[in-house]
Amino acid sequence: MLEVSARHEVAGFTLDVAFAAGGGVTALFGRSGAGKTTLAGIVSGLVRPKAGRVVLDGEVLLDTAAGTMVPARRRRIGVVFQEGRLFPHLSVRENLLFGRRFLPRRAPANMAAIVELLGIETLLDRRPRMLSGGEQQRIAIGRALLMEPRALILDEPLAAIDLPRRAEILPYLDRLKREMRVPILYISHAIEEIARLADTVVVLEAGRVAAAGPAAEIVAGLRLPSLAPRDEGVILVANVERTMPGRPTLLRHAAGELAVPPVDAPPGTPLRVRIHARDVALAVGEPGRLSFRNRLPAVVQEITRRGDGEVLVRLDAGGSAILSRVTEDAIDDLGIRVGDPVTALMKAVAVEGY
């Protein structure tokens, strides 16, 4: 459990926040300048706030009122920045092992497991200049893990990486979350990363906590309209029902069956599904023969008219929220009202499963 409260002022900017985070991945989400990196510095011990308190698993790391300030080197919180910050004159192996010399005792021989986890077996004898951006970030994460951290802070680790390399590293972050079981504070302004990795989301706006809660609720856009008005979406959790080579993977959700692009996972595996509001069409009555492979029965819960000719419709599908962004004309022509039964239509290729 991580408990944080802090007030800090710098260059006319005021950070004033308080939140608590359990295990798994807690995402600090917000625009650039919202205070995410400053807050990470306070938690890690790199920034001393004007006033604050940080408690990790019952241990007080910071309490300005009591005069407590545990130095960063003794907090055992691993930090990975946007740039890997690797030593260019050292090999990958030497970069990985660099921090272990500062441990109070010889660390157990867990390097092989971390190397395998991050898929860097073939990189150990290379120098950083020979690595891609995604590979460098994996090395930086491995170095932090070899310090045996009690918690890990990833400060926008994919921000400086191009889209193909982000797709390359995200599966490793997924695996890190599942297998290492180290509490992670993940900082990002990319909703796609948050949707994929986060268990809990803390939204920062202008140095304040604007919203906090389970990722599925926050990412649904129900509390996030001002930050991502054109990228609303939801997270559903469904179980793999059937996989076939070269065909969509079929998932089972309380609302019905979902087809997603092929996923390599055995039946019964729980899978996160990200559905964008822009990809959800609505039908009243029997849709008939259409190319939409995903058709979920739902009930209209809320209709928000934005004044720009578009409407955001919130649906209940098997107890889960789904969002649909359609035109006002479509809503008026179909006569859709709150409480009406509808069918949510989605192409299989538009549903992201991970």
Protein backbone atom coordinates (compact mmCIF):
# COMPACT_ATOMS: atom_id res chain seq x y z
CA MET A 1 0.00 0.00 0.00
CA LEU A 2 1.29 3.44 -0.95
CA GLU A 3 -0.13 6.50 0.78
CA VAL A 4 0.83 9.93 -0.53
CA SER A 5 -0.05 13.47 0.44
CA ALA A 6 2.07 16.39 -0.71
CA ARG A 7 2.09 20.11 -1.26
CA HIS A 8 4.90 21.63 -3.29
CA GLU A 9 5.48 24.92 -5.09
CA VAL A 10 7.94 25.55 -7.90
CA ALA A 11 8.13 28.33 -10.51
CA GLY A 12 4.57 29.46 -9.88
CA PHE A 13 3.17 25.92 -10.05
CA THR A 14 1.47 24.40 -7.00
CA LEU A 15 1.10 20.67 -6.48
CA ASP A 16 -1.45 19.73 -3.83
CA VAL A 17 -2.45 16.06 -3.88
CA ALA A 18 -3.45 13.13 -1.71
CA PHE A 19 -4.16 9.54 -2.75
CA ALA A 20 -3.67 5.93 -1.72
CA ALA A 21 -2.75 3.05 -4.04
CA GLY A 22 -2.87 -0.68 -3.46
CA GLY A 23 -0.94 -3.37 -5.32
CA GLY A 24 -0.56 -3.77 -9.07
CA VAL A 25 -0.10 -0.81 -11.40
CA THR A 26 -1.25 2.64 -10.29
CA ALA A 27 -1.19 5.11 -13.16
CA LEU A 28 -0.64 8.83 -12.75
CA PHE A 29 -2.43 10.21 -15.79
CA GLY A 30 -2.63 13.74 -17.08
CA ARG A 31 -1.39 16.28 -19.56
CA SER A 32 2.19 17.52 -19.60
CA GLY A 33 2.64 19.99 -16.74
CA ALA A 34 -0.03 18.41 -14.55
CA GLY A 35 2.53 17.53 -11.85
CA LYS A 36 3.09 13.82 -12.55
CA THR A 37 6.89 13.86 -12.60
CA THR A 38 7.13 16.16 -9.58
CA LEU A 39 4.92 13.77 -7.65
CA ALA A 40 7.07 10.82 -8.71
CA GLY A 41 10.12 12.68 -7.45
CA ILE A 42 8.45 13.20 -4.07
CA VAL A 43 7.61 9.49 -3.77
CA SER A 44 11.10 8.36 -4.82
CA GLY A 45 12.88 10.86 -2.57
CA LEU A 46 14.40 12.95 -5.37
CA VAL A 47 12.20 15.94 -4.49
CA ARG A 48 11.54 17.25 -0.99
CA PRO A 49 8.11 18.93 -0.86
CA LYS A 50 7.16 21.92 1.20
CA ALA A 51 4.81 19.64 3.13
CA GLY A 52 3.96 15.99 2.73
CA ARG A 53 3.80 12.42 3.90
CA VAL A 54 4.70 9.22 2.02
CA VAL A 55 4.09 5.77 3.52
CA LEU A 56 5.01 2.53 1.72
CA ASP A 57 3.77 -0.76 3.21
CA GLY A 58 3.48 0.82 6.65
CA GLU A 59 6.94 2.44 6.64
CA VAL A 60 7.04 6.23 6.79
CA LEU A 61 9.42 7.46 4.08
CA LEU A 62 8.50 11.11 4.37
CA ASP A 63 6.75 13.13 7.05
CA THR A 64 7.68 16.79 6.94
CA ALA A 65 5.68 17.54 10.08
CA ALA A 66 7.75 15.01 12.04
CA GLY A 67 11.03 15.87 10.31
CA THR A 68 11.28 12.44 8.63
CA MET A 69 12.97 12.25 5.22
CA VAL A 70 14.36 8.85 4.27
CA PRO A 71 17.04 9.40 1.55
CA ALA A 72 16.25 8.16 -1.94
CA ARG A 73 19.02 5.55 -1.85
CA ARG A 74 17.44 3.92 1.23
CA ARG A 75 13.84 3.87 0.00
CA ARG A 76 14.48 1.00 -2.41
CA ILE A 77 12.21 2.49 -5.03
CA GLY A 78 13.40 1.83 -8.57
CA VAL A 79 12.96 4.69 -11.04
CA VAL A 80 12.98 4.41 -14.83
CA PHE A 81 12.91 7.70 -16.75
CA GLN A 82 11.84 8.59 -20.30
CA GLU A 83 15.40 8.06 -21.48
CA GLY A 84 17.04 4.86 -20.32
CA ARG A 85 20.04 6.80 -18.92
CA LEU A 86 22.37 3.90 -19.59
CA PHE A 87 26.14 4.30 -19.28
CA PRO A 88 27.42 4.38 -22.87
CA HIS A 89 30.89 3.01 -22.00
CA LEU A 90 29.47 -0.08 -20.28
CA SER A 91 28.00 -3.21 -21.84
CA VAL A 92 24.38 -4.16 -21.26
CA ARG A 93 25.50 -6.73 -18.70
CA GLU A 94 27.56 -4.12 -16.85
CA ASN A 95 24.69 -1.61 -16.96
CA LEU A 96 22.34 -4.20 -15.49
CA LEU A 97 24.71 -4.99 -12.62
CA PHE A 98 25.83 -1.42 -11.91
CA GLY A 99 23.37 -0.65 -9.14
CA ARG A 100 23.86 -3.91 -7.24
CA ARG A 101 27.14 -2.69 -5.80
CA PHE A 102 25.17 -0.20 -3.70
CA LEU A 103 22.99 -2.82 -2.04
CA PRO A 104 23.69 -3.38 1.66
CA ARG A 105 24.17 -7.09 0.98
CA ARG A 106 24.87 -9.32 -1.97
CA ALA A 107 21.62 -9.73 -3.91
CA PRO A 108 20.35 -13.20 -4.74
CA ALA A 109 21.19 -14.52 -8.18
CA ASN A 110 17.98 -13.47 -9.93
CA MET A 111 19.60 -11.88 -12.97
CA ALA A 112 18.84 -14.82 -15.27
CA ALA A 113 15.12 -14.63 -14.46
CA ILE A 114 14.97 -10.88 -15.12
CA VAL A 115 16.96 -11.20 -18.35
CA GLU A 116 14.51 -13.85 -19.55
CA LEU A 117 11.49 -11.84 -18.41
CA LEU A 118 12.59 -8.84 -20.49
CA GLY A 119 13.81 -10.84 -23.48
CA ILE A 120 17.32 -9.38 -23.46
CA GLU A 121 19.40 -12.58 -23.51
CA THR A 122 21.02 -11.73 -26.84
CA LEU A 123 21.85 -8.14 -25.86
CA LEU A 124 24.12 -8.66 -22.85
CA ASP A 125 27.44 -8.02 -24.62
CA ARG A 126 26.30 -5.01 -26.66
CA ARG A 127 26.84 -1.33 -25.90
CA PRO A 128 23.81 1.03 -25.53
CA ARG A 129 24.54 2.75 -28.87
CA MET A 130 23.79 -0.58 -30.60
CA LEU A 131 20.30 -0.82 -29.09
CA SER A 132 16.91 0.47 -30.20
CA GLY A 133 14.94 2.81 -27.93
CA GLY A 134 12.71 -0.04 -26.81
CA GLU A 135 15.69 -2.26 -26.01
CA GLN A 136 17.34 0.51 -24.00
CA GLN A 137 14.19 0.94 -21.92
CA ARG A 138 14.06 -2.79 -21.22
CA ILE A 139 17.67 -2.62 -19.99
CA ALA A 140 16.80 0.35 -17.75
CA ILE A 141 13.86 -1.58 -16.28
CA GLY A 142 16.07 -4.63 -15.72
CA ARG A 143 18.66 -2.50 -13.93
CA ALA A 144 15.97 -1.12 -11.63
CA LEU A 145 14.61 -4.61 -10.89
CA LEU A 146 18.06 -5.96 -10.03
CA MET A 147 18.19 -3.39 -7.24
CA GLU A 148 15.45 -5.47 -5.57
CA PRO A 149 13.03 -2.53 -5.31
CA ARG A 150 10.03 -2.50 -3.00
CA ALA A 151 8.25 -0.43 -5.64
CA LEU A 152 8.93 0.71 -9.18
CA ILE A 153 8.28 4.12 -10.76
CA LEU A 154 8.10 4.22 -14.56
CA ASP A 155 8.15 7.89 -15.60
CA GLU A 156 6.68 8.01 -19.12
CA PRO A 157 8.94 5.12 -20.22
CA LEU A 158 7.53 5.06 -23.75
CA ALA A 159 7.29 8.81 -24.41
CA ALA A 160 10.59 8.99 -26.31
CA ILE A 161 9.95 5.81 -28.32
CA ASP A 162 8.27 5.66 -31.73
CA LEU A 163 5.01 3.75 -32.18
CA PRO A 164 6.50 0.49 -33.55
CA ARG A 165 8.92 0.31 -30.59
CA ARG A 166 6.10 1.04 -28.14
CA ALA A 167 4.22 -1.96 -29.51
CA GLU A 168 7.41 -3.95 -29.00
CA ILE A 169 7.91 -3.05 -25.33
CA LEU A 170 4.29 -3.09 -24.07
CA PRO A 171 4.10 -6.91 -23.91
CA TYR A 172 7.18 -6.90 -21.68
CA LEU A 173 5.55 -4.37 -19.35
CA ASP A 174 2.46 -6.60 -19.29
CA ARG A 175 4.58 -9.56 -18.30
CA LEU A 176 6.46 -7.51 -15.72
CA LYS A 177 3.17 -6.60 -14.09
CA ARG A 178 1.97 -10.22 -13.97
CA GLU A 179 5.14 -12.00 -12.92
CA MET A 180 7.23 -9.67 -10.75
CA ARG A 181 4.40 -8.51 -8.47
CA VAL A 182 6.26 -5.30 -7.65
CA PRO A 183 3.94 -2.33 -6.99
CA ILE A 184 4.32 0.00 -9.97
CA LEU A 185 3.63 3.73 -10.22
CA TYR A 186 3.22 4.30 -13.96
CA ILE A 187 3.31 7.88 -15.25
CA SER A 188 1.83 8.64 -18.66
CA HIS A 189 -0.39 10.94 -20.68
CA ALA A 190 -1.14 8.15 -23.20
CA ILE A 191 -4.57 6.66 -22.57
CA GLU A 192 -3.69 3.52 -24.57
CA GLU A 193 -0.88 2.64 -22.15
CA ILE A 194 -3.08 3.31 -19.14
CA ALA A 195 -5.88 1.16 -20.54
CA ARG A 196 -3.53 -1.73 -21.12
CA LEU A 197 -1.51 -1.71 -17.91
CA ALA A 198 -3.24 0.11 -15.06
CA ASP A 199 -5.30 -1.37 -12.24
CA THR A 200 -5.89 2.01 -10.59
CA VAL A 201 -5.78 5.47 -12.17
CA VAL A 202 -5.10 8.81 -10.48
CA VAL A 203 -5.92 11.71 -12.81
CA LEU A 204 -3.95 14.92 -12.27
CA GLU A 205 -5.04 18.30 -13.57
CA ALA A 206 -3.05 21.44 -12.79
CA GLY A 207 -1.47 19.90 -9.72
CA ARG A 208 -4.70 18.51 -8.24
CA VAL A 209 -6.30 15.06 -8.19
CA ALA A 210 -9.23 15.37 -10.59
CA ALA A 211 -10.33 11.73 -10.31
CA ALA A 212 -9.13 8.43 -8.89
CA GLY A 213 -10.44 4.90 -9.01
CA PRO A 214 -10.39 1.57 -10.85
CA ALA A 215 -8.94 1.77 -14.35
CA ALA A 216 -12.07 0.37 -16.00
CA GLU A 217 -14.17 3.19 -14.53
CA ILE A 218 -11.74 6.03 -15.19
CA VAL A 219 -10.74 4.95 -18.70
CA ALA A 220 -14.40 4.65 -19.65
CA GLY A 221 -14.33 8.42 -19.89
CA LEU A 222 -17.08 8.80 -17.30
CA ARG A 223 -14.77 11.05 -15.28
CA LEU A 224 -12.34 12.01 -18.01
CA PRO A 225 -14.13 14.20 -20.58
CA SER A 226 -11.86 17.20 -20.28
CA LEU A 227 -8.66 15.22 -20.81
CA ALA A 228 -9.58 12.96 -23.69
CA PRO A 229 -12.75 14.19 -25.39
CA ARG A 230 -11.97 12.45 -28.68
CA ASP A 231 -10.55 9.20 -27.40
CA GLU A 232 -13.24 7.88 -25.07
CA GLY A 233 -13.42 4.18 -24.62
CA VAL A 234 -13.88 1.39 -22.12
CA ILE A 235 -12.06 -1.62 -20.78
CA LEU A 236 -13.90 -4.92 -20.60
CA VAL A 237 -12.51 -8.10 -19.06
CA ALA A 238 -13.49 -11.25 -20.95
CA ASN A 239 -12.26 -14.85 -21.04
CA VAL A 240 -10.80 -16.53 -24.10
CA GLU A 241 -13.32 -19.04 -25.43
CA ARG A 242 -11.78 -20.24 -28.68
CA THR A 243 -8.73 -19.58 -30.84
CA MET A 244 -8.21 -20.71 -34.41
CA PRO A 245 -5.16 -20.09 -36.62
CA GLY A 246 -5.71 -17.10 -38.87
CA ARG A 247 -9.17 -16.37 -37.46
CA PRO A 248 -10.40 -13.92 -34.82
CA THR A 249 -10.14 -15.02 -31.20
CA LEU A 250 -13.54 -15.48 -29.55
CA LEU A 251 -14.05 -14.16 -26.03
CA ARG A 252 -16.88 -14.69 -23.57
CA HIS A 253 -18.23 -11.69 -21.67
CA ALA A 254 -21.35 -11.35 -19.52
CA ALA A 255 -22.93 -9.35 -22.34
CA GLY A 256 -22.18 -11.98 -24.98
CA GLU A 257 -19.48 -13.18 -27.35
CA LEU A 258 -16.74 -10.89 -28.63
CA ALA A 259 -14.43 -11.42 -31.61
CA VAL A 260 -11.02 -9.75 -31.46
CA PRO A 261 -7.89 -9.94 -33.64
CA PRO A 262 -5.95 -13.21 -33.05
CA VAL A 263 -4.50 -13.55 -29.56
CA ASP A 264 -2.10 -16.30 -28.51
CA ALA A 265 -3.72 -17.40 -25.24
CA PRO A 266 -5.31 -20.67 -24.07
CA PRO A 267 -9.08 -20.96 -23.39
CA GLY A 268 -10.12 -19.52 -20.05
CA THR A 269 -7.43 -16.82 -20.04
CA PRO A 270 -8.82 -13.48 -18.83
CA LEU A 271 -8.14 -10.76 -21.37
CA ARG A 272 -8.50 -6.98 -21.30
CA VAL A 273 -10.47 -5.56 -24.20
CA ARG A 274 -10.29 -1.89 -25.17
CA ILE A 275 -13.26 -0.56 -27.16
CA HIS A 276 -13.20 3.00 -28.50
CA ALA A 277 -16.46 4.98 -28.47
CA ARG A 278 -15.80 6.05 -32.06
CA ASP A 279 -15.93 2.38 -33.15
CA VAL A 280 -19.33 1.57 -31.61
CA ALA A 281 -22.44 1.91 -33.77
CA LEU A 282 -26.00 1.55 -32.45
CA ALA A 283 -28.96 -0.37 -33.83
CA VAL A 284 -32.59 -0.40 -32.77
CA GLY A 285 -34.32 -3.72 -33.31
CA GLU A 286 -32.77 -6.68 -35.14
CA PRO A 287 -29.67 -5.43 -37.02
CA GLY A 288 -29.98 -8.03 -39.80
CA ARG A 289 -27.06 -9.07 -42.01
CA LEU A 290 -24.10 -6.75 -41.41
CA SER A 291 -20.32 -6.96 -41.50
CA PHE A 292 -20.13 -6.09 -37.78
CA ARG A 293 -19.06 -9.34 -36.08
CA ASN A 294 -19.63 -8.05 -32.55
CA ARG A 295 -23.23 -7.40 -31.50
CA LEU A 296 -23.91 -6.88 -27.82
CA PRO A 297 -27.40 -6.24 -26.40
CA ALA A 298 -27.37 -3.16 -24.19
CA VAL A 299 -29.55 -0.57 -22.49
CA VAL A 300 -29.06 3.19 -22.89
CA GLN A 301 -28.02 4.74 -19.57
CA GLU A 302 -27.04 8.27 -20.49
CA ILE A 303 -27.06 10.55 -23.54
CA THR A 304 -24.70 13.54 -23.53
CA ARG A 305 -25.17 16.12 -26.29
CA ARG A 306 -21.97 18.05 -26.81
CA GLY A 307 -23.21 20.90 -28.95
CA ASP A 308 -20.85 20.03 -31.81
CA GLY A 309 -23.26 17.76 -33.64
CA GLU A 310 -22.04 14.68 -31.76
CA VAL A 311 -23.50 12.67 -28.90
CA LEU A 312 -21.80 10.41 -26.38
CA VAL A 313 -24.07 7.51 -25.41
CA ARG A 314 -23.36 5.44 -22.31
CA LEU A 315 -24.66 1.88 -22.42
CA ASP A 316 -25.02 -0.96 -19.95
CA ALA A 317 -23.99 -4.26 -21.54
CA GLY A 318 -24.11 -7.19 -19.15
CA GLY A 319 -23.25 -4.95 -16.21
CA SER A 320 -20.32 -3.25 -18.00
CA ALA A 321 -20.21 0.23 -19.47
CA ILE A 322 -19.81 0.76 -23.20
CA LEU A 323 -19.53 4.17 -24.83
CA SER A 324 -20.70 5.09 -28.32
CA ARG A 325 -19.96 8.36 -30.12
CA VAL A 326 -22.54 9.06 -32.82
CA THR A 327 -24.15 12.09 -34.46
CA GLU A 328 -27.14 13.94 -33.08
CA ASP A 329 -28.96 13.22 -36.32
CA ALA A 330 -28.52 9.47 -35.80
CA ILE A 331 -29.93 9.64 -32.26
CA ASP A 332 -32.89 11.72 -33.39
CA ASP A 333 -33.62 9.55 -36.46
CA LEU A 334 -33.52 6.36 -34.40
CA GLY A 335 -35.52 7.95 -31.56
CA ILE A 336 -33.12 6.62 -28.95
CA ARG A 337 -33.90 7.61 -25.36
CA VAL A 338 -32.51 6.72 -21.93
CA GLY A 339 -33.76 3.27 -20.93
CA ASP A 340 -34.16 2.00 -24.51
CA PRO A 341 -32.78 -1.41 -25.48
CA VAL A 342 -30.28 -1.24 -28.36
CA THR A 343 -27.58 -3.37 -29.95
CA ALA A 344 -23.98 -2.17 -29.78
CA LEU A 345 -22.19 -3.00 -33.03
CA MET A 346 -18.41 -3.28 -33.36
CA LYS A 347 -16.09 -4.64 -36.02
CA ALA A 348 -13.77 -7.39 -34.80
CA VAL A 349 -10.76 -5.48 -36.08
CA ALA A 350 -11.76 -2.39 -34.05
CA VAL A 351 -11.65 -4.21 -30.71
CA GLU A 352 -8.20 -4.34 -29.10
CA GLY A 353 -7.52 -7.38 -26.94
CA TYR A 354 -4.45 -7.67 -24.69
